[in-house]
């Protein structure tokens, strides 16, 4: 997979999500993979307080290739715990 391709080529992230990520300076697959879903979510939320947890599920889905609804069901707790830990360290 070419990680330098734009975020727009990933499945699961619509135009609004892509726009919010771009405002946070995240425009390529490489950047998203390097940051991971938690850090990308935190950075995006900093520049747009209206961001919901659906973005977190979408980011994890885009990175792993797993459908976002499966991510929300299977990985919800671990993602929320990781997010909580990340926010404690700010």
C-alpha atoms as a PDB file:
ATOM      1  CA  UNK A   1       0.000   0.000   0.000  1.00  0.00           C
ATOM      2  CA  UNK A   2       1.276   3.446  -0.928  1.00  0.00           C
ATOM      3  CA  UNK A   3       1.168   5.394   2.322  1.00  0.00           C
ATOM      4  CA  UNK A   4       1.792   8.719   0.595  1.00  0.00           C
ATOM      5  CA  UNK A   5      -1.563   8.613  -1.066  1.00  0.00           C
ATOM      6  CA  UNK A   6      -4.108  11.168   0.110  1.00  0.00           C
ATOM      7  CA  UNK A   7      -6.537  10.354   2.890  1.00  0.00           C
ATOM      8  CA  UNK A   8      -9.352  10.706   0.340  1.00  0.00           C
ATOM      9  CA  UNK A   9      -8.366   7.337  -1.117  1.00  0.00           C
ATOM     10  CA  UNK A  10      -9.100   5.496   2.133  1.00  0.00           C
ATOM     11  CA  UNK A  11     -12.485   3.894   2.544  1.00  0.00           C
ATOM     12  CA  UNK A  12     -14.590   4.836   5.517  1.00  0.00           C
ATOM     13  CA  UNK A  13     -13.653   8.507   5.737  1.00  0.00           C
ATOM     14  CA  UNK A  14     -16.141  10.797   4.043  1.00  0.00           C
ATOM     15  CA  UNK A  15     -15.575  14.341   2.803  1.00  0.00           C
ATOM     16  CA  UNK A  16     -16.400  15.976   6.161  1.00  0.00           C
ATOM     17  CA  UNK A  17     -13.977  13.711   8.020  1.00  0.00           C
ATOM     18  CA  UNK A  18     -11.308  14.376   5.414  1.00  0.00           C
ATOM     19  CA  UNK A  19     -11.871  18.124   5.760  1.00  0.00           C
ATOM     20  CA  UNK A  20     -11.586  17.971   9.555  1.00  0.00           C
ATOM     21  CA  UNK A  21      -8.406  15.893   9.312  1.00  0.00           C
ATOM     22  CA  UNK A  22      -6.923  18.364   6.812  1.00  0.00           C
ATOM     23  CA  UNK A  23      -7.598  21.226   9.249  1.00  0.00           C
ATOM     24  CA  UNK A  24      -5.591  19.223  11.775  1.00  0.00           C
ATOM     25  CA  UNK A  25      -2.764  18.872   9.245  1.00  0.00           C
ATOM     26  CA  UNK A  26      -3.422  15.209   8.468  1.00  0.00           C
ATOM     27  CA  UNK A  27      -3.664  14.741   4.713  1.00  0.00           C
ATOM     28  CA  UNK A  28      -1.915  11.478   3.846  1.00  0.00           C
ATOM     29  CA  UNK A  29      -2.310   7.831   4.717  1.00  0.00           C
ATOM     30  CA  UNK A  30       1.301   7.866   5.921  1.00  0.00           C
ATOM     31  CA  UNK A  31       0.569  10.626   8.439  1.00  0.00           C
ATOM     32  CA  UNK A  32      -2.548   8.844   9.686  1.00  0.00           C
ATOM     33  CA  UNK A  33      -0.772   5.514  10.134  1.00  0.00           C
ATOM     34  CA  UNK A  34       2.181   7.173  11.872  1.00  0.00           C
ATOM     35  CA  UNK A  35      -0.073   9.038  14.315  1.00  0.00           C
ATOM     36  CA  UNK A  36      -2.565   6.232  14.852  1.00  0.00           C
ATOM     37  CA  UNK A  37      -6.286   6.670  15.321  1.00  0.00           C
ATOM     38  CA  UNK A  38      -6.122   8.012  18.888  1.00  0.00           C
ATOM     39  CA  UNK A  39      -3.598  10.790  18.207  1.00  0.00           C
ATOM     40  CA  UNK A  40      -5.271  11.716  14.918  1.00  0.00           C
ATOM     41  CA  UNK A  41      -8.611  11.956  16.734  1.00  0.00           C
ATOM     42  CA  UNK A  42      -7.152  14.119  19.527  1.00  0.00           C
ATOM     43  CA  UNK A  43      -5.504  16.489  17.046  1.00  0.00           C
ATOM     44  CA  UNK A  44      -8.669  16.742  14.975  1.00  0.00           C
ATOM     45  CA  UNK A  45     -10.800  17.401  18.060  1.00  0.00           C
ATOM     46  CA  UNK A  46      -8.436  20.229  19.034  1.00  0.00           C
ATOM     47  CA  UNK A  47      -9.254  22.119  15.846  1.00  0.00           C
ATOM     48  CA  UNK A  48     -12.930  21.148  15.697  1.00  0.00           C
ATOM     49  CA  UNK A  49     -14.698  20.626  19.005  1.00  0.00           C
ATOM     50  CA  UNK A  50     -17.780  19.219  17.226  1.00  0.00           C
ATOM     51  CA  UNK A  51     -15.893  16.001  16.385  1.00  0.00           C
ATOM     52  CA  UNK A  52     -17.722  12.922  17.669  1.00  0.00           C
ATOM     53  CA  UNK A  53     -16.502   9.466  18.551  1.00  0.00           C
ATOM     54  CA  UNK A  54     -17.744   8.310  15.157  1.00  0.00           C
ATOM     55  CA  UNK A  55     -14.584   9.872  13.740  1.00  0.00           C
ATOM     56  CA  UNK A  56     -12.480   7.702  16.033  1.00  0.00           C
ATOM     57  CA  UNK A  57     -14.265   4.583  14.780  1.00  0.00           C
ATOM     58  CA  UNK A  58     -13.786   5.782  11.195  1.00  0.00           C
ATOM     59  CA  UNK A  59     -10.088   6.462  11.714  1.00  0.00           C
ATOM     60  CA  UNK A  60      -9.487   3.039  13.213  1.00  0.00           C
ATOM     61  CA  UNK A  61     -11.496   1.512  10.393  1.00  0.00           C
ATOM     62  CA  UNK A  62      -9.445   3.341   7.771  1.00  0.00           C
ATOM     63  CA  UNK A  63      -6.194   2.187   9.356  1.00  0.00           C
ATOM     64  CA  UNK A  64      -7.179  -1.452   9.918  1.00  0.00           C
ATOM     65  CA  UNK A  65      -9.541  -2.012   7.013  1.00  0.00           C
ATOM     66  CA  UNK A  66     -12.213  -3.315   9.387  1.00  0.00           C
ATOM     67  CA  UNK A  67     -15.725  -1.892   8.911  1.00  0.00           C
ATOM     68  CA  UNK A  68     -16.343   1.042  11.270  1.00  0.00           C
ATOM     69  CA  UNK A  69     -19.384  -0.611  12.832  1.00  0.00           C
ATOM     70  CA  UNK A  70     -17.272  -3.642  13.747  1.00  0.00           C
ATOM     71  CA  UNK A  71     -14.627  -1.327  15.172  1.00  0.00           C
ATOM     72  CA  UNK A  72     -17.272   0.431  17.269  1.00  0.00           C
ATOM     73  CA  UNK A  73     -18.545  -2.911  18.601  1.00  0.00           C
ATOM     74  CA  UNK A  74     -15.339  -4.909  19.036  1.00  0.00           C
ATOM     75  CA  UNK A  75     -12.772  -2.259  19.899  1.00  0.00           C
ATOM     76  CA  UNK A  76     -14.868   0.427  21.571  1.00  0.00           C
ATOM     77  CA  UNK A  77     -13.634  -0.226  25.097  1.00  0.00           C
ATOM     78  CA  UNK A  78      -9.955  -0.481  24.200  1.00  0.00           C
ATOM     79  CA  UNK A  79     -10.116   2.657  22.050  1.00  0.00           C
ATOM     80  CA  UNK A  80     -11.933   4.624  24.751  1.00  0.00           C
ATOM     81  CA  UNK A  81      -9.413   3.512  27.378  1.00  0.00           C
ATOM     82  CA  UNK A  82      -6.524   4.483  25.093  1.00  0.00           C
ATOM     83  CA  UNK A  83      -8.174   7.857  24.441  1.00  0.00           C
ATOM     84  CA  UNK A  84      -8.672   8.439  28.157  1.00  0.00           C
ATOM     85  CA  UNK A  85      -5.020   7.581  28.824  1.00  0.00           C
ATOM     86  CA  UNK A  86      -3.877   9.898  26.009  1.00  0.00           C
ATOM     87  CA  UNK A  87      -5.974  12.770  27.353  1.00  0.00           C
ATOM     88  CA  UNK A  88      -4.519  12.306  30.856  1.00  0.00           C
ATOM     89  CA  UNK A  89      -1.058  12.856  29.407  1.00  0.00           C
ATOM     90  CA  UNK A  90      -1.884  16.199  27.779  1.00  0.00           C
END
